[in-house]
Amino acid sequence: MLRLTVSTEEYLQIGENVRIAFLGGSKNHLRIMVDAPKDVNIVRSSVLEQKITDPAEKEKLPKYYAEPELPEKYRKKKLKSNIIITKGNLEDNR
């Protein structure tokens, strides 16, 4: 299993002919585009889960959970600005 952090408009290349592009989204939703040949079968997990009626088989399906917040080491650092604007003049307090 590989876990990646990607930016909008980045993509993953899988093999020679499958590309997954990340188009953006909100907190709970992510828009992706899958560029693959027509002979590649692409199915949502919810559709697969609906087709399985045996509870024992459903338990065998992999489950993935979103992390509520990234650990500190993966967060972008916020830059502190030392610029103060007073009465239309620009001061640089460095």
N, C-alpha and C. Protein backbone atom coordinates (compact mmCIF):
# COMPACT_ATOMS: atom_id res chain seq x y z
N MET A 1 0.86 -1.17 0.00
CA MET A 1 0.00 0.00 0.00
C MET A 1 0.90 1.22 0.00
N LEU A 2 0.55 2.20 -0.80
CA LEU A 2 1.29 3.44 -0.92
C LEU A 2 0.37 4.60 -0.58
N ARG A 3 0.77 5.46 0.34
CA ARG A 3 -0.03 6.64 0.69
C ARG A 3 0.74 7.87 0.23
N LEU A 4 0.07 8.73 -0.54
CA LEU A 4 0.70 9.92 -1.09
C LEU A 4 -0.11 11.16 -0.74
N THR A 5 0.55 12.28 -0.69
CA THR A 5 -0.11 13.57 -0.62
C THR A 5 0.11 14.23 -1.97
N VAL A 6 -0.97 14.64 -2.60
CA VAL A 6 -0.87 15.22 -3.94
C VAL A 6 -1.53 16.60 -3.95
N SER A 7 -1.13 17.40 -4.90
CA SER A 7 -1.72 18.71 -5.11
C SER A 7 -2.71 18.63 -6.26
N THR A 8 -3.55 19.64 -6.36
CA THR A 8 -4.49 19.72 -7.46
C THR A 8 -3.73 19.72 -8.78
N GLU A 9 -4.26 19.01 -9.74
CA GLU A 9 -3.74 18.86 -11.09
C GLU A 9 -2.51 17.97 -11.17
N GLU A 10 -2.08 17.37 -10.08
CA GLU A 10 -1.05 16.34 -10.17
C GLU A 10 -1.73 15.05 -10.58
N TYR A 11 -0.95 14.11 -11.07
CA TYR A 11 -1.52 12.83 -11.46
C TYR A 11 -0.59 11.69 -11.09
N LEU A 12 -1.18 10.51 -11.02
CA LEU A 12 -0.42 9.28 -10.81
C LEU A 12 -0.47 8.48 -12.10
N GLN A 13 0.66 7.95 -12.51
CA GLN A 13 0.74 7.10 -13.68
C GLN A 13 0.84 5.66 -13.19
N ILE A 14 -0.08 4.81 -13.63
CA ILE A 14 -0.08 3.40 -13.25
C ILE A 14 0.16 2.59 -14.50
N GLY A 15 1.30 1.95 -14.55
CA GLY A 15 1.66 1.20 -15.75
C GLY A 15 1.88 2.16 -16.92
N GLU A 16 1.68 1.65 -18.12
CA GLU A 16 1.90 2.44 -19.33
C GLU A 16 0.69 3.27 -19.72
N ASN A 17 -0.52 2.82 -19.32
CA ASN A 17 -1.69 3.41 -19.94
C ASN A 17 -2.82 3.84 -18.98
N VAL A 18 -2.56 3.93 -17.69
CA VAL A 18 -3.59 4.39 -16.75
C VAL A 18 -3.05 5.60 -16.00
N ARG A 19 -3.83 6.67 -16.00
CA ARG A 19 -3.44 7.90 -15.31
C ARG A 19 -4.61 8.36 -14.45
N ILE A 20 -4.33 8.71 -13.18
CA ILE A 20 -5.34 9.24 -12.27
C ILE A 20 -4.95 10.68 -11.96
N ALA A 21 -5.79 11.62 -12.39
CA ALA A 21 -5.53 13.05 -12.17
C ALA A 21 -6.40 13.55 -11.03
N PHE A 22 -5.84 14.37 -10.16
CA PHE A 22 -6.54 14.93 -9.01
C PHE A 22 -6.97 16.35 -9.38
N LEU A 23 -8.28 16.58 -9.41
CA LEU A 23 -8.82 17.84 -9.91
C LEU A 23 -9.22 18.81 -8.80
N GLY A 24 -9.13 18.41 -7.55
CA GLY A 24 -9.48 19.29 -6.43
C GLY A 24 -10.66 18.73 -5.66
N GLY A 25 -11.24 19.56 -4.84
CA GLY A 25 -12.37 19.12 -4.05
C GLY A 25 -12.49 19.92 -2.78
N SER A 26 -13.25 19.38 -1.85
CA SER A 26 -13.45 20.03 -0.56
C SER A 26 -13.00 19.06 0.53
N LYS A 27 -13.35 19.35 1.76
CA LYS A 27 -12.89 18.53 2.88
C LYS A 27 -13.32 17.07 2.76
N ASN A 28 -14.58 16.84 2.39
CA ASN A 28 -15.10 15.48 2.36
C ASN A 28 -15.20 14.87 0.96
N HIS A 29 -14.93 15.65 -0.06
CA HIS A 29 -15.08 15.16 -1.42
C HIS A 29 -13.83 15.47 -2.23
N LEU A 30 -13.47 14.55 -3.09
CA LEU A 30 -12.30 14.71 -3.95
C LEU A 30 -12.71 14.36 -5.36
N ARG A 31 -12.38 15.21 -6.30
CA ARG A 31 -12.68 14.94 -7.70
C ARG A 31 -11.43 14.40 -8.36
N ILE A 32 -11.59 13.28 -9.03
CA ILE A 32 -10.48 12.69 -9.77
C ILE A 32 -10.94 12.40 -11.19
N MET A 33 -9.97 12.23 -12.08
CA MET A 33 -10.25 11.83 -13.44
C MET A 33 -9.38 10.61 -13.72
N VAL A 34 -9.97 9.55 -14.21
CA VAL A 34 -9.24 8.35 -14.54
C VAL A 34 -9.14 8.26 -16.06
N ASP A 35 -7.93 8.29 -16.56
CA ASP A 35 -7.69 8.18 -17.99
C ASP A 35 -7.11 6.78 -18.23
N ALA A 36 -7.95 5.90 -18.79
CA ALA A 36 -7.55 4.50 -18.98
C ALA A 36 -8.19 3.98 -20.27
N PRO A 37 -7.59 2.94 -20.85
CA PRO A 37 -8.20 2.33 -22.03
C PRO A 37 -9.57 1.73 -21.70
N LYS A 38 -10.40 1.58 -22.71
CA LYS A 38 -11.75 1.05 -22.50
C LYS A 38 -11.76 -0.38 -21.99
N ASP A 39 -10.71 -1.13 -22.22
CA ASP A 39 -10.69 -2.52 -21.77
C ASP A 39 -10.33 -2.66 -20.29
N VAL A 40 -9.98 -1.56 -19.61
CA VAL A 40 -9.69 -1.58 -18.18
C VAL A 40 -10.99 -1.36 -17.42
N ASN A 41 -11.33 -2.29 -16.54
CA ASN A 41 -12.57 -2.22 -15.77
C ASN A 41 -12.35 -1.33 -14.54
N ILE A 42 -13.15 -0.27 -14.41
CA ILE A 42 -13.06 0.66 -13.28
C ILE A 42 -14.40 0.66 -12.58
N VAL A 43 -14.43 0.29 -11.30
CA VAL A 43 -15.68 0.16 -10.56
C VAL A 43 -15.52 0.83 -9.19
N ARG A 44 -16.55 1.55 -8.76
CA ARG A 44 -16.55 2.14 -7.42
C ARG A 44 -16.65 1.04 -6.36
N SER A 45 -16.05 1.30 -5.21
CA SER A 45 -16.11 0.31 -4.13
C SER A 45 -17.54 0.11 -3.65
N SER A 46 -18.35 1.16 -3.65
CA SER A 46 -19.73 1.03 -3.18
C SER A 46 -20.54 0.08 -4.07
N VAL A 47 -20.24 0.07 -5.36
CA VAL A 47 -20.93 -0.85 -6.28
C VAL A 47 -20.51 -2.28 -5.99
N LEU A 48 -19.23 -2.49 -5.75
CA LEU A 48 -18.74 -3.84 -5.42
C LEU A 48 -19.37 -4.34 -4.13
N GLU A 49 -19.45 -3.47 -3.12
CA GLU A 49 -20.02 -3.86 -1.83
C GLU A 49 -21.50 -4.21 -1.94
N GLN A 50 -22.23 -3.52 -2.81
CA GLN A 50 -23.66 -3.80 -2.98
C GLN A 50 -23.89 -5.16 -3.63
N LYS A 51 -22.98 -5.58 -4.47
CA LYS A 51 -23.14 -6.86 -5.17
C LYS A 51 -22.90 -8.05 -4.25
N ILE A 52 -22.13 -7.87 -3.19
CA ILE A 52 -21.81 -8.96 -2.28
C ILE A 52 -22.90 -9.04 -1.20
N THR A 53 -23.55 -10.19 -1.10
CA THR A 53 -24.62 -10.35 -0.12
C THR A 53 -24.18 -11.14 1.11
N ASP A 54 -23.13 -11.93 0.98
CA ASP A 54 -22.64 -12.75 2.09
C ASP A 54 -21.87 -11.87 3.09
N PRO A 55 -22.31 -11.78 4.35
CA PRO A 55 -21.62 -10.95 5.35
C PRO A 55 -20.15 -11.34 5.56
N ALA A 56 -19.85 -12.63 5.46
CA ALA A 56 -18.47 -13.08 5.64
C ALA A 56 -17.58 -12.54 4.52
N GLU A 57 -18.10 -12.48 3.31
CA GLU A 57 -17.34 -11.95 2.18
C GLU A 57 -17.16 -10.43 2.31
N LYS A 58 -18.18 -9.75 2.82
CA LYS A 58 -18.08 -8.29 3.02
C LYS A 58 -17.00 -7.95 4.03
N GLU A 59 -16.85 -8.79 5.05
CA GLU A 59 -15.81 -8.56 6.06
C GLU A 59 -14.41 -8.65 5.48
N LYS A 60 -14.25 -9.41 4.42
CA LYS A 60 -12.93 -9.59 3.80
C LYS A 60 -12.52 -8.39 2.94
N LEU A 61 -13.49 -7.54 2.58
CA LEU A 61 -13.16 -6.38 1.74
C LEU A 61 -12.28 -5.40 2.52
N PRO A 62 -11.32 -4.79 1.85
CA PRO A 62 -10.46 -3.82 2.55
C PRO A 62 -11.25 -2.57 2.93
N LYS A 63 -10.90 -1.98 4.06
CA LYS A 63 -11.53 -0.75 4.54
C LYS A 63 -10.45 0.32 4.65
N TYR A 64 -10.78 1.50 4.16
CA TYR A 64 -9.85 2.62 4.21
C TYR A 64 -10.54 3.77 4.93
N TYR A 65 -9.81 4.44 5.81
CA TYR A 65 -10.37 5.52 6.60
C TYR A 65 -9.51 6.76 6.42
N ALA A 66 -10.16 7.90 6.29
CA ALA A 66 -9.45 9.16 6.17
C ALA A 66 -8.88 9.55 7.53
N GLU A 67 -7.71 10.13 7.51
CA GLU A 67 -7.15 10.67 8.74
C GLU A 67 -7.79 12.02 9.01
N PRO A 68 -8.24 12.27 10.24
CA PRO A 68 -8.92 13.54 10.52
C PRO A 68 -8.02 14.75 10.31
N GLU A 69 -6.75 14.61 10.60
CA GLU A 69 -5.82 15.71 10.42
C GLU A 69 -4.43 15.13 10.21
N LEU A 70 -3.64 15.77 9.37
CA LEU A 70 -2.30 15.28 9.10
C LEU A 70 -1.41 15.45 10.31
N PRO A 71 -0.48 14.52 10.52
CA PRO A 71 0.50 14.72 11.59
C PRO A 71 1.34 15.97 11.33
N GLU A 72 1.88 16.56 12.36
CA GLU A 72 2.61 17.82 12.28
C GLU A 72 3.73 17.78 11.24
N LYS A 73 4.42 16.66 11.12
CA LYS A 73 5.57 16.61 10.20
C LYS A 73 5.15 16.70 8.73
N TYR A 74 3.86 16.50 8.41
CA TYR A 74 3.40 16.58 7.03
C TYR A 74 2.70 17.90 6.71
N ARG A 75 2.51 18.75 7.70
CA ARG A 75 1.81 20.01 7.48
C ARG A 75 2.76 21.05 6.90
N LYS A 76 2.21 21.94 6.09
CA LYS A 76 3.01 23.03 5.55
C LYS A 76 3.28 24.04 6.64
N LYS A 77 4.48 24.56 6.65
CA LYS A 77 4.85 25.56 7.63
C LYS A 77 4.25 26.90 7.24
N LYS A 78 3.64 27.60 8.21
CA LYS A 78 3.10 28.92 7.96
C LYS A 78 4.21 29.93 8.15
N LEU A 79 4.39 30.77 7.15
CA LEU A 79 5.42 31.79 7.22
C LEU A 79 4.92 32.99 7.99
N LYS A 80 5.76 33.52 8.86
CA LYS A 80 5.42 34.72 9.63
C LYS A 80 5.92 35.93 8.85
N SER A 81 5.08 36.92 8.73
CA SER A 81 5.44 38.13 8.02
C SER A 81 5.89 39.19 9.02
N ASN A 82 6.97 39.89 8.69
CA ASN A 82 7.46 40.97 9.53
C ASN A 82 7.12 42.33 8.93
N ILE A 83 6.17 42.37 8.01
CA ILE A 83 5.81 43.62 7.36
C ILE A 83 4.61 44.23 8.07
N ILE A 84 4.74 45.55 8.41
CA ILE A 84 3.67 46.27 9.07
C ILE A 84 3.31 47.47 8.20
N ILE A 85 2.02 47.63 7.91
CA ILE A 85 1.57 48.77 7.11
C ILE A 85 0.89 49.76 8.05
N THR A 86 1.40 51.01 8.05
CA THR A 86 0.82 52.05 8.90
C THR A 86 0.59 53.30 8.08
N LYS A 87 -0.60 53.84 8.10
CA LYS A 87 -0.97 55.08 7.43
C LYS A 87 -0.53 55.10 5.97
N GLY A 88 -0.67 53.95 5.30
CA GLY A 88 -0.33 53.91 3.89
C GLY A 88 1.15 53.76 3.60
N ASN A 89 2.01 53.87 4.62
CA ASN A 89 3.44 53.68 4.42
C ASN A 89 3.80 52.24 4.68
N LEU A 90 4.80 51.77 4.02
CA LEU A 90 5.22 50.39 4.18
C LEU A 90 6.52 50.36 4.97
N GLU A 91 6.50 49.69 6.11
CA GLU A 91 7.69 49.52 6.94
C GLU A 91 8.11 48.07 6.93
N ASP A 92 9.37 47.81 6.89
CA ASP A 92 9.88 46.45 6.93
C ASP A 92 10.67 46.30 8.23
N ASN A 93 10.16 45.51 9.18
CA ASN A 93 10.81 45.33 10.49
C ASN A 93 11.68 44.09 10.50
N ARG A 94 12.70 44.08 9.72
CA ARG A 94 13.59 42.92 9.70
C ARG A 94 14.84 43.16 10.46
